[in-house]
Amino acid sequence: MIRKARKEDLFAVKGIAEACTKDLDNQGIFQWNSTYPSLAIFEKDILEEALYVYEIQGEIQGCIMFSEEKDPLYDTIEWMCPDFRNLYIHRLAVHPQFQKKELQDNS
């Protein structure tokens, strides 16, 4: 099930990000580090109701953040479509132990 993240999900989400950071580092991919994404960033995402979690049988396995706000870095890109009313994806993470598996429909 995919649902909006709640305050009580904060540490589970941060733990997933930390596991993903370690896994990415082991692959030579340095996307995230010990300071990003931070607990404060995830907390802000939750308060803004922009963070979603994927959970199965009460276990959070991944997260994703959606935002209508564009990172200024994106202004340096020549987009193929008009740049209005877009939705940007940030902080997409699936715990490494659940990666490369089919989604389960537990609705």
N, C-alpha and C. Protein backbone atom coordinates (compact mmCIF):
# COMPACT_ATOMS: atom_id res chain seq x y z
N MET A 1 0.84 -1.17 0.00
CA MET A 1 0.00 0.00 0.00
C MET A 1 0.90 1.24 0.00
N ILE A 2 0.53 2.20 -0.79
CA ILE A 2 1.21 3.50 -0.79
C ILE A 2 0.29 4.48 -0.06
N ARG A 3 0.87 5.20 0.89
CA ARG A 3 0.09 6.17 1.67
C ARG A 3 0.97 7.34 2.04
N LYS A 4 0.32 8.43 2.48
CA LYS A 4 1.07 9.58 2.98
C LYS A 4 1.82 9.18 4.24
N ALA A 5 3.04 9.66 4.34
CA ALA A 5 3.85 9.39 5.53
C ALA A 5 3.28 10.17 6.72
N ARG A 6 3.45 9.56 7.88
CA ARG A 6 3.02 10.18 9.14
C ARG A 6 4.24 10.42 10.02
N LYS A 7 4.06 11.26 11.03
CA LYS A 7 5.18 11.59 11.94
C LYS A 7 5.85 10.34 12.50
N GLU A 8 5.06 9.34 12.82
CA GLU A 8 5.63 8.13 13.41
C GLU A 8 6.44 7.30 12.42
N ASP A 9 6.41 7.67 11.14
CA ASP A 9 7.20 6.98 10.12
C ASP A 9 8.60 7.56 9.96
N LEU A 10 8.86 8.67 10.61
CA LEU A 10 10.09 9.44 10.38
C LEU A 10 11.36 8.60 10.50
N PHE A 11 11.50 7.87 11.58
CA PHE A 11 12.75 7.14 11.80
C PHE A 11 12.87 5.93 10.86
N ALA A 12 11.75 5.32 10.51
CA ALA A 12 11.79 4.22 9.55
C ALA A 12 12.25 4.73 8.19
N VAL A 13 11.74 5.88 7.77
CA VAL A 13 12.12 6.47 6.49
C VAL A 13 13.61 6.85 6.50
N LYS A 14 14.05 7.45 7.58
CA LYS A 14 15.47 7.82 7.68
C LYS A 14 16.35 6.57 7.64
N GLY A 15 15.91 5.50 8.27
CA GLY A 15 16.66 4.25 8.24
C GLY A 15 16.76 3.68 6.83
N ILE A 16 15.69 3.80 6.07
CA ILE A 16 15.71 3.35 4.67
C ILE A 16 16.72 4.19 3.88
N ALA A 17 16.69 5.50 4.08
CA ALA A 17 17.63 6.38 3.37
C ALA A 17 19.08 6.02 3.72
N GLU A 18 19.34 5.74 4.98
CA GLU A 18 20.69 5.38 5.40
C GLU A 18 21.13 4.06 4.78
N ALA A 19 20.23 3.09 4.72
CA ALA A 19 20.55 1.80 4.09
C ALA A 19 20.82 1.99 2.60
N CYS A 20 20.02 2.83 1.95
CA CYS A 20 20.22 3.11 0.52
C CYS A 20 21.53 3.84 0.28
N THR A 21 21.87 4.77 1.16
CA THR A 21 23.13 5.50 1.03
C THR A 21 24.31 4.54 1.08
N LYS A 22 24.28 3.64 2.05
CA LYS A 22 25.36 2.66 2.17
C LYS A 22 25.42 1.77 0.93
N ASP A 23 24.27 1.32 0.45
CA ASP A 23 24.21 0.46 -0.73
C ASP A 23 24.74 1.19 -1.97
N LEU A 24 24.33 2.44 -2.13
CA LEU A 24 24.80 3.24 -3.27
C LEU A 24 26.31 3.46 -3.19
N ASP A 25 26.80 3.79 -2.00
CA ASP A 25 28.25 3.98 -1.80
C ASP A 25 29.02 2.72 -2.23
N ASN A 26 28.48 1.55 -1.83
CA ASN A 26 29.14 0.29 -2.18
C ASN A 26 29.18 0.05 -3.69
N GLN A 27 28.27 0.70 -4.42
CA GLN A 27 28.24 0.59 -5.87
C GLN A 27 29.02 1.71 -6.56
N GLY A 28 29.64 2.59 -5.75
CA GLY A 28 30.39 3.71 -6.31
C GLY A 28 29.50 4.85 -6.77
N ILE A 29 28.28 4.89 -6.25
CA ILE A 29 27.33 5.96 -6.57
C ILE A 29 27.20 6.83 -5.33
N PHE A 30 27.57 8.10 -5.47
CA PHE A 30 27.62 8.98 -4.30
C PHE A 30 26.53 10.04 -4.37
N GLN A 31 25.28 9.57 -4.49
CA GLN A 31 24.10 10.43 -4.59
C GLN A 31 23.76 11.06 -3.24
N TRP A 32 23.76 10.26 -2.19
CA TRP A 32 23.41 10.71 -0.85
C TRP A 32 24.61 10.53 0.06
N ASN A 33 24.54 11.15 1.26
CA ASN A 33 25.63 11.00 2.22
C ASN A 33 25.08 11.06 3.64
N SER A 34 25.93 11.20 4.62
CA SER A 34 25.48 11.17 6.01
C SER A 34 24.66 12.40 6.41
N THR A 35 24.72 13.45 5.62
CA THR A 35 23.96 14.66 5.96
C THR A 35 22.75 14.90 5.06
N TYR A 36 22.68 14.21 3.94
CA TYR A 36 21.53 14.35 3.04
C TYR A 36 21.10 12.99 2.52
N PRO A 37 19.83 12.69 2.59
CA PRO A 37 18.76 13.50 3.17
C PRO A 37 18.73 13.37 4.69
N SER A 38 18.49 14.48 5.33
CA SER A 38 18.53 14.54 6.79
C SER A 38 17.17 14.22 7.40
N LEU A 39 17.18 13.97 8.68
CA LEU A 39 15.95 13.75 9.43
C LEU A 39 15.05 14.99 9.31
N ALA A 40 15.66 16.17 9.38
CA ALA A 40 14.90 17.42 9.28
C ALA A 40 14.21 17.56 7.92
N ILE A 41 14.88 17.13 6.87
CA ILE A 41 14.28 17.21 5.53
C ILE A 41 13.08 16.29 5.45
N PHE A 42 13.23 15.05 5.94
CA PHE A 42 12.09 14.12 5.92
C PHE A 42 10.95 14.63 6.80
N GLU A 43 11.30 15.22 7.93
CA GLU A 43 10.26 15.78 8.81
C GLU A 43 9.49 16.89 8.10
N LYS A 44 10.20 17.74 7.39
CA LYS A 44 9.55 18.82 6.62
C LYS A 44 8.65 18.23 5.54
N ASP A 45 9.14 17.20 4.84
CA ASP A 45 8.33 16.54 3.81
C ASP A 45 7.02 16.00 4.40
N ILE A 46 7.12 15.40 5.59
CA ILE A 46 5.93 14.85 6.24
C ILE A 46 4.97 15.96 6.64
N LEU A 47 5.49 17.04 7.23
CA LEU A 47 4.64 18.15 7.65
C LEU A 47 3.94 18.80 6.46
N GLU A 48 4.62 18.82 5.32
CA GLU A 48 4.03 19.40 4.10
C GLU A 48 3.16 18.40 3.34
N GLU A 49 3.02 17.19 3.90
CA GLU A 49 2.22 16.12 3.30
C GLU A 49 2.69 15.80 1.88
N ALA A 50 4.00 15.83 1.69
CA ALA A 50 4.59 15.57 0.37
C ALA A 50 5.31 14.24 0.30
N LEU A 51 5.48 13.58 1.45
CA LEU A 51 6.21 12.31 1.49
C LEU A 51 5.21 11.16 1.57
N TYR A 52 5.47 10.15 0.76
CA TYR A 52 4.65 8.95 0.74
C TYR A 52 5.52 7.75 1.07
N VAL A 53 4.91 6.74 1.66
CA VAL A 53 5.64 5.51 1.96
C VAL A 53 4.93 4.33 1.30
N TYR A 54 5.73 3.30 1.03
CA TYR A 54 5.22 2.04 0.53
C TYR A 54 5.39 1.05 1.67
N GLU A 55 4.28 0.46 2.10
CA GLU A 55 4.37 -0.49 3.20
C GLU A 55 3.61 -1.76 2.89
N ILE A 56 4.13 -2.85 3.42
CA ILE A 56 3.48 -4.14 3.31
C ILE A 56 3.41 -4.72 4.71
N GLN A 57 2.21 -5.11 5.12
CA GLN A 57 1.97 -5.70 6.43
C GLN A 57 2.61 -4.88 7.54
N GLY A 58 2.45 -3.56 7.46
CA GLY A 58 2.93 -2.66 8.50
C GLY A 58 4.41 -2.33 8.43
N GLU A 59 5.13 -2.88 7.45
CA GLU A 59 6.57 -2.62 7.32
C GLU A 59 6.81 -1.66 6.17
N ILE A 60 7.40 -0.51 6.49
CA ILE A 60 7.71 0.47 5.46
C ILE A 60 8.93 -0.01 4.68
N GLN A 61 8.77 -0.11 3.37
CA GLN A 61 9.84 -0.63 2.52
C GLN A 61 10.45 0.43 1.62
N GLY A 62 9.75 1.55 1.44
CA GLY A 62 10.27 2.59 0.58
C GLY A 62 9.55 3.90 0.80
N CYS A 63 10.06 4.94 0.15
CA CYS A 63 9.45 6.26 0.26
C CYS A 63 9.69 7.05 -1.03
N ILE A 64 8.89 8.10 -1.19
CA ILE A 64 9.03 9.00 -2.33
C ILE A 64 8.42 10.34 -1.94
N MET A 65 9.03 11.41 -2.41
CA MET A 65 8.52 12.75 -2.14
C MET A 65 8.17 13.42 -3.46
N PHE A 66 6.98 14.00 -3.51
CA PHE A 66 6.52 14.74 -4.69
C PHE A 66 6.43 16.22 -4.35
N SER A 67 6.84 17.06 -5.29
CA SER A 67 6.78 18.50 -5.05
C SER A 67 6.48 19.24 -6.34
N GLU A 68 5.74 20.31 -6.23
CA GLU A 68 5.51 21.19 -7.37
C GLU A 68 6.60 22.25 -7.47
N GLU A 69 7.43 22.35 -6.42
CA GLU A 69 8.52 23.33 -6.41
C GLU A 69 9.73 22.77 -7.15
N LYS A 70 10.23 23.55 -8.07
CA LYS A 70 11.36 23.12 -8.88
C LYS A 70 12.67 23.57 -8.25
N ASP A 71 13.61 22.67 -8.18
CA ASP A 71 14.96 22.98 -7.71
C ASP A 71 15.59 23.94 -8.72
N PRO A 72 16.21 25.03 -8.28
CA PRO A 72 16.83 25.98 -9.22
C PRO A 72 17.82 25.33 -10.20
N LEU A 73 18.44 24.24 -9.79
CA LEU A 73 19.36 23.52 -10.67
C LEU A 73 18.65 23.07 -11.96
N TYR A 74 17.35 22.78 -11.84
CA TYR A 74 16.60 22.30 -13.00
C TYR A 74 16.44 23.37 -14.08
N ASP A 75 16.63 24.63 -13.71
CA ASP A 75 16.54 25.72 -14.70
C ASP A 75 17.67 25.66 -15.72
N THR A 76 18.71 24.92 -15.41
CA THR A 76 19.85 24.81 -16.34
C THR A 76 19.63 23.75 -17.41
N ILE A 77 18.50 23.05 -17.32
CA ILE A 77 18.20 21.96 -18.25
C ILE A 77 17.22 22.43 -19.32
N GLU A 78 17.47 22.05 -20.56
CA GLU A 78 16.52 22.35 -21.63
C GLU A 78 15.53 21.19 -21.71
N TRP A 79 14.32 21.44 -21.20
CA TRP A 79 13.31 20.40 -21.11
C TRP A 79 12.61 20.19 -22.45
N MET A 80 12.14 19.00 -22.70
CA MET A 80 11.45 18.67 -23.95
C MET A 80 9.98 19.06 -23.92
N CYS A 81 9.46 19.38 -22.74
CA CYS A 81 8.06 19.76 -22.62
C CYS A 81 7.96 21.11 -21.91
N PRO A 82 6.81 21.76 -22.04
CA PRO A 82 6.64 23.06 -21.36
C PRO A 82 6.87 22.91 -19.85
N ASP A 83 7.43 23.94 -19.27
CA ASP A 83 7.80 23.93 -17.87
C ASP A 83 6.74 24.64 -17.02
N PHE A 84 5.61 23.98 -16.85
CA PHE A 84 4.57 24.52 -15.98
C PHE A 84 3.75 23.36 -15.42
N ARG A 85 3.26 23.55 -14.23
CA ARG A 85 2.44 22.54 -13.55
C ARG A 85 3.07 21.15 -13.57
N ASN A 86 4.35 21.11 -13.31
CA ASN A 86 5.05 19.84 -13.24
C ASN A 86 5.07 19.33 -11.81
N LEU A 87 5.29 18.06 -11.67
CA LEU A 87 5.45 17.43 -10.38
C LEU A 87 6.83 16.81 -10.36
N TYR A 88 7.64 17.16 -9.37
CA TYR A 88 9.02 16.70 -9.29
C TYR A 88 9.13 15.62 -8.23
N ILE A 89 9.93 14.60 -8.53
CA ILE A 89 10.15 13.50 -7.61
C ILE A 89 11.49 13.70 -6.92
N HIS A 90 11.46 13.56 -5.60
CA HIS A 90 12.67 13.66 -4.79
C HIS A 90 12.67 12.51 -3.78
N ARG A 91 13.83 12.20 -3.28
CA ARG A 91 14.00 11.25 -2.18
C ARG A 91 13.27 9.92 -2.40
N LEU A 92 13.42 9.39 -3.58
CA LEU A 92 12.88 8.07 -3.90
C LEU A 92 13.84 7.03 -3.36
N ALA A 93 13.34 6.16 -2.50
CA ALA A 93 14.20 5.15 -1.89
C ALA A 93 13.41 3.88 -1.62
N VAL A 94 14.03 2.76 -1.91
CA VAL A 94 13.49 1.45 -1.55
C VAL A 94 14.61 0.74 -0.79
N HIS A 95 14.30 0.24 0.39
CA HIS A 95 15.32 -0.44 1.18
C HIS A 95 15.98 -1.51 0.31
N PRO A 96 17.30 -1.61 0.34
CA PRO A 96 18.00 -2.57 -0.52
C PRO A 96 17.49 -4.01 -0.43
N GLN A 97 17.02 -4.44 0.74
CA GLN A 97 16.54 -5.82 0.84
C GLN A 97 15.24 -6.04 0.08
N PHE A 98 14.57 -4.96 -0.32
CA PHE A 98 13.31 -5.09 -1.06
C PHE A 98 13.44 -4.65 -2.52
N GLN A 99 14.62 -4.25 -2.93
CA GLN A 99 14.82 -3.80 -4.31
C GLN A 99 14.77 -4.99 -5.27
N LYS A 100 14.43 -4.68 -6.51
CA LYS A 100 14.40 -5.66 -7.60
C LYS A 100 13.40 -6.78 -7.34
N LYS A 101 12.28 -6.43 -6.74
CA LYS A 101 11.20 -7.39 -6.49
C LYS A 101 9.91 -6.80 -7.03
N GLU A 102 8.95 -7.64 -7.30
CA GLU A 102 7.65 -7.17 -7.76
C GLU A 102 6.91 -6.47 -6.62
N LEU A 103 6.13 -5.47 -6.98
CA LEU A 103 5.27 -4.83 -5.99
C LEU A 103 4.19 -5.82 -5.60
N GLN A 104 3.84 -5.81 -4.34
CA GLN A 104 2.75 -6.66 -3.87
C GLN A 104 1.51 -5.81 -3.73
N ASP A 105 0.41 -6.34 -4.18
CA ASP A 105 -0.87 -5.64 -4.04
C ASP A 105 -1.53 -6.15 -2.77
N ASN A 106 -1.42 -5.36 -1.71
CA ASN A 106 -2.01 -5.78 -0.45
C ASN A 106 -3.16 -4.87 -0.05
N SER A 107 -3.81 -4.30 -1.06
CA SER A 107 -4.92 -3.39 -0.75
C SER A 107 -6.17 -4.14 -0.35
